[in-house]
Amino acid sequence: MPFDQPLIAEKVQEIGQFLRADGADLTLVSADDATARITLELTLEGANCAECVLPPEALHSTIEYALQRELHTEFELLIDDPRVG
């Protein structure tokens, strides 16, 4: 089943609102139907405190849960998080 691209973009924007409160941002890089992979990028350039943003594992599980509730399909979530080396 193909991804609903507008829905994914909308959900990423909604989640990003919470991160923007801490000066971070979240953007959708791609949602690939062929690989069932959703790739996001976390930007911390405006964050006064990178540690104030949800820790990487909590961020991943929170976003994955929010997207799963909407998509109702299996997917792999990748987040380019500059805090993870």
Protein backbone atom coordinates (compact mmCIF):
# COMPACT_ATOMS: atom_id res chain seq x y z
CA MET A 1 0.00 0.00 0.00
CA PRO A 2 1.52 3.36 -1.01
CA PHE A 3 2.27 5.95 1.62
CA ASP A 4 -0.10 8.88 1.97
CA GLN A 5 2.56 11.54 1.35
CA PRO A 6 0.43 14.57 2.35
CA LEU A 7 -0.61 12.85 5.60
CA ILE A 8 2.99 12.00 6.48
CA ALA A 9 4.09 15.58 5.76
CA GLU A 10 1.23 16.92 7.89
CA LYS A 11 2.11 14.66 10.83
CA VAL A 12 5.79 15.57 10.62
CA GLN A 13 4.81 19.26 10.71
CA GLU A 14 2.61 18.66 13.77
CA ILE A 15 5.39 16.84 15.61
CA GLY A 16 7.85 19.51 14.52
CA GLN A 17 5.77 22.17 16.29
CA PHE A 18 6.68 20.65 19.65
CA LEU A 19 10.35 20.59 18.72
CA ARG A 20 10.29 24.16 17.44
CA ALA A 21 9.31 25.26 20.95
CA ASP A 22 12.85 24.21 21.96
CA GLY A 23 14.45 25.78 18.87
CA ALA A 24 14.78 22.50 16.96
CA ASP A 25 13.00 21.50 13.76
CA LEU A 26 11.93 18.30 12.03
CA THR A 27 11.62 17.89 8.27
CA LEU A 28 10.48 15.09 6.02
CA VAL A 29 13.33 14.01 3.75
CA SER A 30 11.54 11.13 2.02
CA ALA A 31 8.78 8.57 2.29
CA ASP A 32 9.74 5.73 -0.03
CA ASP A 33 7.00 3.25 -0.92
CA ALA A 34 9.45 0.78 -2.47
CA THR A 35 11.46 0.35 0.74
CA ALA A 36 8.66 1.24 3.21
CA ARG A 37 11.09 3.74 4.72
CA ILE A 38 10.37 7.20 6.09
CA THR A 39 13.39 9.44 6.55
CA LEU A 40 13.31 12.59 8.68
CA GLU A 41 15.92 15.15 9.59
CA LEU A 42 16.24 16.81 12.99
CA THR A 43 17.83 20.26 12.93
CA LEU A 44 19.22 21.72 16.13
CA GLU A 45 20.72 24.94 14.73
CA GLY A 46 18.26 27.18 16.58
CA ALA A 47 18.18 25.16 19.78
CA ASN A 48 19.62 26.89 22.82
CA CYS A 49 19.93 23.51 24.49
CA ALA A 50 20.22 20.39 22.34
CA GLU A 51 19.75 18.30 25.47
CA CYS A 52 16.36 19.95 26.07
CA VAL A 53 15.02 18.26 22.94
CA LEU A 54 13.70 14.73 23.48
CA PRO A 55 16.57 12.23 23.67
CA PRO A 56 17.15 10.35 20.39
CA GLU A 57 15.51 7.06 21.46
CA ALA A 58 12.45 8.78 22.96
CA LEU A 59 12.15 11.03 19.91
CA HIS A 60 12.26 8.03 17.57
CA SER A 61 9.63 6.04 19.48
CA THR A 62 7.34 9.07 19.85
CA ILE A 63 7.45 9.88 16.13
CA GLU A 64 7.11 6.23 15.13
CA TYR A 65 4.04 5.83 17.36
CA ALA A 66 2.42 9.02 16.00
CA LEU A 67 2.97 7.97 12.39
CA GLN A 68 1.87 4.37 13.00
CA ARG A 69 -1.45 5.60 14.41
CA GLU A 70 -2.13 7.37 11.12
CA LEU A 71 -0.57 5.08 8.52
CA HIS A 72 -1.69 1.66 9.76
CA THR A 73 1.10 -0.03 7.81
CA GLU A 74 4.60 -1.31 8.50
CA PHE A 75 7.47 1.08 7.84
CA GLU A 76 11.04 1.76 8.88
CA LEU A 77 11.69 5.15 10.43
CA LEU A 78 15.09 6.77 10.05
CA ILE A 79 15.89 10.06 11.77
CA ASP A 80 19.02 11.98 10.91
CA ASP A 81 19.76 13.29 14.41
CA PRO A 82 23.01 15.26 14.80
CA ARG A 83 23.30 14.12 18.42
CA VAL A 84 23.76 10.51 17.29
CA GLY A 85 27.21 9.75 15.97
